[in-house]
Amino acid sequence: MIKETVTRNNSLTGCSFGELSRQILGLGGKKYTAGQIWSWLYRKNVFNIDEMTDIPAGFRSLLKENFTLCLPVIEKSEKSSDGTVKLLLKLYDGNFIECVIIPEKDRNTLCVSSQAGCRFNCSFCSTGKLGFKRNLTADEIVGQVLLSSSYSGNRITNVVYMGMGEPFDNYDEVIKSADILSDDSGLAIGTRKITISTFGHTDNIIRFTHEDIRYKLAVSLHNPFDDERDRIMPVNKKYRLKDLFEALAKYTSRSNRKVVFEYILMKNFNDTERHATELIRLLNQMPSKLNLIKYHAQQDESEFTPVEELSAMKFYNYFRNAGFPVVFRTSRGEDISAACGQLTAKTLTEK
């Protein structure tokens, strides 16, 4: 049984392999001991230092004195009729987050949270209504993957940073966690199977570009006009579309990778031919593709409603007819509020 702790000092799951190796050597351990620890954590799903039996007992005691090993605790789980599983996780300090396991034939995707709550309050997203609690640490993000793999009994093959919070508002810990997840000596999740989604945090898109980070980049766009995007995404008043697309053009030019744009369709707000025409103009400036997403009504009252099927297909066909790569993304976990924009850690309000 995984127990909670009140400290986050020197977490094993928050160390890169290089960091762990250096610290093990500093404690007088053998060079290969770091590899043994990583094997227990990332290959065998063992989260108790005492159970790492190929490490000498005396050194295990030393590990416990110098490291913590604390995964989030599953407070509640819900399974959708389509197989999607949502986990409500309690962190060591009492904050809650949610992550979502999405099983498919050829992959097992996990949608992870990067913050407890969110400071940006996008009107179509339930998380922002919670307010901002704090950033997650790298070990808390990695812990979601380890716990979900152990819970489901299946290896997580793909990770998307599209859960609670804005990943690029917690840039350093997000990138560190992705580096740990993609390390060949651990879970070895391919860099092309890790996607980081942002509302369009221009400053950190530029940083991401200059650091030549290999993970896939997705942008939550949702409207191609600044005045309308301001209504649903207040942060757009700081990060204007012109600056965003200039930064993205540099990213695609330097990295030779495409950008995936996420677009939630909302009736009579962003679903017209005018919107489609402007989207095609903007997105044709760079290698990109468009994911259309059905809007999901929130628990409380909202000024937005879902687009009818006929209108949604009409919007989709604007792009197909223009030869632009577009996908209508299948909604998963709607019946357990696990779909895009619905993560709320709602158990907090039910107690």
Protein backbone atom coordinates (compact mmCIF):
# COMPACT_ATOMS: atom_id res chain seq x y z
CA MET A 1 0.00 0.00 0.00
CA ILE A 2 1.34 3.44 -0.96
CA LYS A 3 1.30 5.81 2.00
CA GLU A 4 1.18 9.57 2.03
CA THR A 5 3.97 11.69 3.40
CA VAL A 6 4.17 15.35 4.34
CA THR A 7 7.48 16.00 2.62
CA ARG A 8 8.55 16.25 -1.00
CA ASN A 9 12.29 16.32 -0.36
CA ASN A 10 14.40 14.49 -2.94
CA SER A 11 11.70 12.30 -4.44
CA LEU A 12 12.97 9.28 -6.37
CA THR A 13 10.36 9.81 -9.09
CA GLY A 14 11.36 13.47 -9.42
CA CYS A 15 14.98 12.68 -10.32
CA SER A 16 16.30 12.27 -13.81
CA PHE A 17 18.45 9.20 -14.28
CA GLY A 18 21.57 11.36 -14.32
CA GLU A 19 20.59 13.15 -11.11
CA LEU A 20 19.82 9.89 -9.36
CA SER A 21 23.10 8.32 -10.49
CA ARG A 22 25.12 11.24 -9.14
CA GLN A 23 23.31 11.15 -5.81
CA ILE A 24 23.71 7.38 -5.45
CA LEU A 25 27.45 7.71 -6.04
CA GLY A 26 27.50 10.56 -3.52
CA LEU A 27 26.03 8.21 -0.92
CA GLY A 28 28.75 5.68 -1.59
CA GLY A 29 26.59 3.41 -3.73
CA LYS A 30 27.53 1.52 -6.85
CA LYS A 31 27.10 2.99 -10.33
CA TYR A 32 24.60 0.31 -11.33
CA THR A 33 22.34 0.90 -8.29
CA ALA A 34 20.55 3.79 -10.02
CA GLY A 35 19.66 1.40 -12.83
CA GLN A 36 18.30 -1.10 -10.32
CA ILE A 37 16.10 1.58 -8.74
CA TRP A 38 14.80 2.71 -12.11
CA SER A 39 14.03 -0.85 -13.06
CA TRP A 40 11.95 -1.31 -9.91
CA LEU A 41 10.07 1.93 -10.44
CA TYR A 42 9.56 2.03 -14.19
CA ARG A 43 9.68 -1.60 -15.30
CA LYS A 44 8.34 -3.52 -12.28
CA ASN A 45 5.94 -0.91 -10.81
CA VAL A 46 7.36 -1.32 -7.29
CA PHE A 47 7.01 1.82 -5.19
CA ASN A 48 8.37 0.64 -1.86
CA ILE A 49 12.12 0.88 -1.25
CA ASP A 50 12.00 -2.13 1.11
CA GLU A 51 10.77 -4.30 -1.80
CA MET A 52 13.78 -3.45 -3.99
CA THR A 53 15.37 -6.72 -2.92
CA ASP A 54 18.42 -6.76 -5.19
CA ILE A 55 19.73 -3.66 -3.38
CA PRO A 56 21.57 -4.47 -0.12
CA ALA A 57 19.48 -3.90 3.01
CA GLY A 58 21.96 -1.42 4.43
CA PHE A 59 21.85 0.74 1.32
CA ARG A 60 18.03 0.52 1.21
CA SER A 61 18.03 2.06 4.70
CA LEU A 62 20.30 4.81 3.40
CA LEU A 63 17.93 5.41 0.49
CA LYS A 64 14.99 5.81 2.89
CA GLU A 65 16.96 8.34 4.91
CA ASN A 66 17.79 10.45 1.85
CA PHE A 67 14.85 10.02 -0.53
CA THR A 68 11.08 9.99 -0.45
CA LEU A 69 8.88 7.78 -2.62
CA CYS A 70 5.33 9.05 -2.56
CA LEU A 71 2.80 8.65 -5.36
CA PRO A 72 -0.58 10.37 -5.36
CA VAL A 73 -3.38 8.41 -3.69
CA ILE A 74 -6.42 7.28 -5.68
CA GLU A 75 -9.39 8.90 -3.95
CA LYS A 76 -11.96 7.80 -6.52
CA SER A 77 -12.15 6.15 -9.94
CA GLU A 78 -14.86 6.20 -12.60
CA LYS A 79 -15.08 4.07 -15.72
CA SER A 80 -16.91 5.19 -18.83
CA SER A 81 -19.02 2.98 -21.06
CA ASP A 82 -16.32 3.44 -23.72
CA GLY A 83 -13.56 2.12 -21.42
CA THR A 84 -12.11 5.50 -20.47
CA VAL A 85 -11.12 5.72 -16.79
CA LYS A 86 -10.92 8.92 -14.76
CA LEU A 87 -8.88 8.92 -11.56
CA LEU A 88 -9.31 11.50 -8.82
CA LEU A 89 -5.94 11.72 -7.09
CA LYS A 90 -5.14 13.19 -3.71
CA LEU A 91 -1.74 14.85 -3.37
CA TYR A 92 0.39 14.84 -0.22
CA ASP A 93 -0.87 18.30 0.84
CA GLY A 94 -4.58 17.54 0.40
CA ASN A 95 -4.99 19.07 -3.06
CA PHE A 96 -6.80 17.05 -5.71
CA ILE A 97 -6.12 16.53 -9.40
CA GLU A 98 -7.59 14.29 -12.11
CA CYS A 99 -6.00 12.21 -14.85
CA VAL A 100 -7.68 10.16 -17.57
CA ILE A 101 -6.70 6.76 -19.01
CA ILE A 102 -7.85 6.35 -22.62
CA PRO A 103 -7.41 2.77 -23.87
CA GLU A 104 -7.37 2.09 -27.59
CA LYS A 105 -6.46 -0.93 -29.74
CA ASP A 106 -2.89 0.11 -30.44
CA ARG A 107 -2.16 2.48 -27.56
CA ASN A 108 -2.91 3.36 -23.96
CA THR A 109 -3.00 7.13 -23.61
CA LEU A 110 -2.89 9.05 -20.33
CA CYS A 111 -4.07 12.65 -20.04
CA VAL A 112 -2.11 14.16 -17.15
CA SER A 113 -2.58 17.29 -15.06
CA SER A 114 0.22 19.81 -14.64
CA GLN A 115 -1.37 22.07 -12.02
CA ALA A 116 -3.89 21.81 -9.20
CA GLY A 117 -6.51 24.16 -10.58
CA CYS A 118 -5.65 26.81 -13.17
CA ARG A 119 -5.13 30.56 -13.06
CA PHE A 120 -6.43 31.38 -16.57
CA ASN A 121 -10.20 30.76 -16.25
CA CYS A 122 -11.08 29.90 -19.85
CA SER A 123 -14.86 30.00 -20.00
CA PHE A 124 -15.27 26.62 -21.74
CA CYS A 125 -13.12 24.77 -19.18
CA SER A 126 -14.28 23.54 -15.78
CA THR A 127 -10.82 23.49 -14.21
CA GLY A 128 -10.44 27.27 -14.25
CA LYS A 129 -13.53 27.65 -12.08
CA LEU A 130 -11.62 25.98 -9.23
CA GLY A 131 -9.07 28.78 -9.12
CA PHE A 132 -5.34 28.18 -8.98
CA LYS A 133 -3.94 26.11 -6.12
CA ARG A 134 -0.34 25.40 -7.14
CA ASN A 135 1.98 23.93 -9.75
CA LEU A 136 2.65 20.21 -9.66
CA THR A 137 6.19 18.97 -9.23
CA ALA A 138 7.81 16.68 -11.78
CA ASP A 139 7.43 13.70 -9.45
CA GLU A 140 3.69 14.37 -9.07
CA ILE A 141 3.31 14.35 -12.86
CA VAL A 142 5.44 11.22 -13.27
CA GLY A 143 3.46 9.70 -10.39
CA GLN A 144 0.24 9.99 -12.39
CA VAL A 145 1.78 7.82 -15.11
CA LEU A 146 3.17 5.22 -12.72
CA LEU A 147 -0.05 5.01 -10.73
CA SER A 148 -2.24 4.80 -13.84
CA SER A 149 -0.10 2.05 -15.34
CA SER A 150 -0.26 0.07 -12.09
CA TYR A 151 -4.01 0.67 -11.74
CA SER A 152 -4.90 -0.35 -15.31
CA GLY A 153 -2.39 -3.19 -15.54
CA ASN A 154 -1.28 -1.87 -18.93
CA ARG A 155 1.75 0.12 -19.97
CA ILE A 156 1.07 3.77 -20.75
CA THR A 157 2.26 4.27 -24.33
CA ASN A 158 1.25 7.91 -24.92
CA VAL A 159 1.08 10.92 -22.61
CA VAL A 160 -0.78 14.16 -23.29
CA TYR A 161 -0.41 17.19 -21.03
CA MET A 162 -4.03 18.25 -21.48
CA GLY A 163 -5.45 17.66 -18.00
CA MET A 164 -5.93 20.23 -15.26
CA GLY A 165 -3.80 23.35 -15.60
CA GLU A 166 -1.73 25.12 -18.27
CA PRO A 167 1.46 23.11 -18.87
CA PHE A 168 3.54 26.04 -20.08
CA ASP A 169 2.66 27.97 -16.92
CA ASN A 170 4.63 25.22 -15.14
CA TYR A 171 7.26 24.88 -17.84
CA ASP A 172 10.31 23.61 -15.93
CA GLU A 173 8.51 20.83 -14.03
CA VAL A 174 6.54 19.76 -17.10
CA ILE A 175 9.64 19.45 -19.26
CA LYS A 176 11.54 17.66 -16.49
CA SER A 177 8.70 15.17 -16.04
CA ALA A 178 8.55 14.51 -19.80
CA ASP A 179 12.32 13.96 -19.84
CA ILE A 180 11.94 11.35 -17.09
CA LEU A 181 9.06 9.62 -18.89
CA SER A 182 10.96 9.47 -22.18
CA ASP A 183 14.27 8.27 -20.73
CA ASP A 184 15.28 5.06 -22.49
CA SER A 185 16.38 3.46 -19.22
CA GLY A 186 12.91 3.89 -17.69
CA LEU A 187 9.44 3.99 -19.23
CA ALA A 188 10.98 4.88 -22.61
CA ILE A 189 7.86 6.65 -23.90
CA GLY A 190 8.89 8.05 -27.28
CA THR A 191 9.19 11.81 -27.61
CA ARG A 192 6.73 11.71 -30.52
CA LYS A 193 4.23 10.04 -28.18
CA ILE A 194 4.34 12.87 -25.66
CA THR A 195 2.22 15.94 -26.47
CA ILE A 196 2.30 19.19 -24.53
CA SER A 197 -0.73 21.43 -25.00
CA THR A 198 -0.77 25.18 -24.37
CA PHE A 199 -3.33 27.97 -24.75
CA GLY A 200 -0.58 29.80 -26.66
CA HIS A 201 1.93 30.86 -23.99
CA THR A 202 4.09 32.75 -26.47
CA ASP A 203 7.06 33.32 -24.13
CA ASN A 204 7.48 29.62 -23.43
CA ILE A 205 6.77 28.56 -27.00
CA ILE A 206 9.82 30.66 -27.90
CA ARG A 207 11.79 29.01 -25.09
CA PHE A 208 10.59 25.57 -26.23
CA THR A 209 11.82 26.42 -29.73
CA HIS A 210 15.26 27.65 -28.68
CA GLU A 211 15.80 24.63 -26.44
CA ASP A 212 14.89 22.39 -29.39
CA ILE A 213 12.70 20.17 -27.24
CA ARG A 214 11.44 17.16 -29.15
CA TYR A 215 7.96 16.67 -27.71
CA LYS A 216 4.90 17.35 -29.86
CA LEU A 217 3.27 20.76 -29.45
CA ALA A 218 -0.48 21.38 -29.43
CA VAL A 219 -2.21 24.75 -29.19
CA SER A 220 -5.73 25.30 -27.86
CA LEU A 221 -6.96 27.91 -30.32
CA HIS A 222 -10.79 27.84 -30.32
CA ASN A 223 -11.22 31.11 -32.22
CA PRO A 224 -9.21 32.84 -34.98
CA PHE A 225 -10.27 36.40 -34.04
CA ASP A 226 -8.72 38.27 -31.11
CA ASP A 227 -11.89 40.06 -29.99
CA GLU A 228 -13.88 36.82 -29.85
CA ARG A 229 -11.04 34.77 -28.35
CA ASP A 230 -10.80 37.40 -25.59
CA ARG A 231 -14.30 36.41 -24.48
CA ILE A 232 -13.49 32.77 -23.85
CA MET A 233 -9.78 32.99 -23.07
CA PRO A 234 -8.93 36.11 -21.01
CA VAL A 235 -5.20 35.39 -21.39
CA ASN A 236 -5.54 36.21 -25.09
CA LYS A 237 -5.47 39.88 -24.07
CA LYS A 238 -1.81 39.35 -23.15
CA TYR A 239 -0.81 36.83 -25.82
CA ARG A 240 -2.32 38.14 -29.05
CA LEU A 241 -2.82 35.89 -32.06
CA LYS A 242 -0.33 37.82 -34.19
CA ASP A 243 2.45 37.23 -31.68
CA LEU A 244 1.38 33.62 -31.15
CA PHE A 245 1.51 32.77 -34.84
CA GLU A 246 4.85 34.52 -35.29
CA ALA A 247 6.26 32.36 -32.49
CA LEU A 248 4.72 29.21 -33.95
CA ALA A 249 6.12 29.98 -37.41
CA LYS A 250 9.61 30.15 -35.89
CA TYR A 251 8.97 26.91 -34.02
CA THR A 252 7.91 24.98 -37.13
CA SER A 253 10.74 26.47 -39.21
CA ARG A 254 13.41 25.63 -36.68
CA SER A 255 12.11 22.24 -35.57
CA ASN A 256 10.71 21.01 -38.90
CA ARG A 257 7.70 19.76 -36.92
CA LYS A 258 4.03 20.58 -37.27
CA VAL A 259 1.69 22.12 -34.72
CA VAL A 260 -1.59 20.46 -33.76
CA PHE A 261 -4.35 23.01 -33.21
CA GLU A 262 -7.24 22.11 -30.92
CA TYR A 263 -10.58 23.77 -31.69
CA ILE A 264 -13.69 23.27 -29.56
CA LEU A 265 -16.81 23.97 -31.62
CA MET A 266 -19.41 26.17 -29.91
CA LYS A 267 -22.77 26.90 -31.49
CA ASN A 268 -23.15 30.36 -33.03
CA PHE A 269 -19.80 31.45 -31.66
CA ASN A 270 -16.94 29.94 -33.65
CA ASP A 271 -18.61 27.61 -36.15
CA THR A 272 -19.27 29.79 -39.21
CA GLU A 273 -17.73 29.89 -42.66
CA ARG A 274 -16.07 33.17 -41.66
CA HIS A 275 -14.25 31.36 -38.85
CA ALA A 276 -13.27 28.48 -41.08
CA THR A 277 -11.89 30.81 -43.76
CA GLU A 278 -9.74 32.70 -41.25
CA LEU A 279 -8.57 29.46 -39.65
CA ILE A 280 -7.43 28.11 -42.99
CA ARG A 281 -5.55 31.35 -43.69
CA LEU A 282 -3.79 31.30 -40.31
CA LEU A 283 -2.99 27.61 -40.20
CA ASN A 284 -1.70 27.51 -43.77
CA GLN A 285 1.20 29.71 -42.65
CA MET A 286 2.95 26.67 -41.17
CA PRO A 287 2.92 22.85 -41.14
CA SER A 288 -0.09 22.05 -39.01
CA LYS A 289 -3.25 20.06 -38.60
CA LEU A 290 -6.58 20.78 -36.95
CA ASN A 291 -8.39 18.72 -34.34
CA LEU A 292 -12.06 19.63 -34.05
CA ILE A 293 -13.63 18.83 -30.69
CA LYS A 294 -17.24 18.72 -29.60
CA TYR A 295 -18.10 21.24 -26.89
CA HIS A 296 -19.23 19.60 -23.65
CA ALA A 297 -21.79 21.46 -21.56
CA GLN A 298 -20.44 22.36 -18.12
CA GLN A 299 -22.01 21.41 -14.82
CA ASP A 300 -23.15 24.99 -14.18
CA GLU A 301 -24.82 27.43 -16.53
CA SER A 302 -22.86 28.43 -19.61
CA GLU A 303 -23.47 30.85 -22.43
CA PHE A 304 -22.25 28.21 -24.90
CA THR A 305 -23.96 25.14 -26.32
CA PRO A 306 -22.75 22.23 -28.47
CA VAL A 307 -22.95 22.43 -32.25
CA GLU A 308 -25.51 20.17 -33.90
CA GLU A 309 -24.14 17.24 -35.89
CA LEU A 310 -25.08 18.68 -39.29
CA SER A 311 -23.42 22.04 -38.55
CA ALA A 312 -20.34 20.31 -37.17
CA MET A 313 -19.92 18.25 -40.34
CA LYS A 314 -20.44 21.35 -42.47
CA PHE A 315 -17.63 23.09 -40.59
CA TYR A 316 -15.43 20.00 -40.92
CA ASN A 317 -16.03 19.91 -44.68
CA TYR A 318 -14.76 23.48 -45.15
CA PHE A 319 -11.32 22.10 -44.34
CA ARG A 320 -11.69 18.83 -46.25
CA ASN A 321 -12.75 20.73 -49.36
CA ALA A 322 -9.77 23.08 -48.96
CA GLY A 323 -7.42 20.10 -48.69
CA PHE A 324 -6.40 21.04 -45.15
CA PRO A 325 -5.60 18.18 -42.72
CA VAL A 326 -8.44 17.99 -40.22
CA VAL A 327 -9.74 15.38 -37.77
CA PHE A 328 -12.97 15.39 -35.81
CA ARG A 329 -11.65 14.03 -32.55
CA THR A 330 -13.84 11.39 -30.95
CA SER A 331 -14.99 12.40 -27.49
CA ARG A 332 -14.08 9.91 -24.79
CA GLY A 333 -15.46 9.59 -21.29
CA GLU A 334 -18.35 12.05 -21.65
CA ASP A 335 -20.54 10.08 -19.26
CA ILE A 336 -17.96 10.43 -16.46
CA SER A 337 -17.04 14.08 -17.22
CA ALA A 338 -13.62 13.03 -18.48
CA ALA A 339 -13.81 14.72 -21.87
CA CYS A 340 -11.96 17.86 -22.95
CA GLY A 341 -12.54 20.77 -20.58
CA GLN A 342 -14.48 18.78 -18.00
CA LEU A 343 -11.85 17.93 -15.39
CA THR A 344 -12.83 19.52 -12.10
CA ALA A 345 -11.90 17.26 -9.15
CA LYS A 346 -15.62 17.62 -8.42
CA THR A 347 -15.47 15.30 -5.42
CA LEU A 348 -14.32 18.36 -3.51
CA THR A 349 -17.75 19.90 -3.87
CA GLU A 350 -19.61 16.67 -3.21
CA LYS A 351 -18.26 16.09 0.28
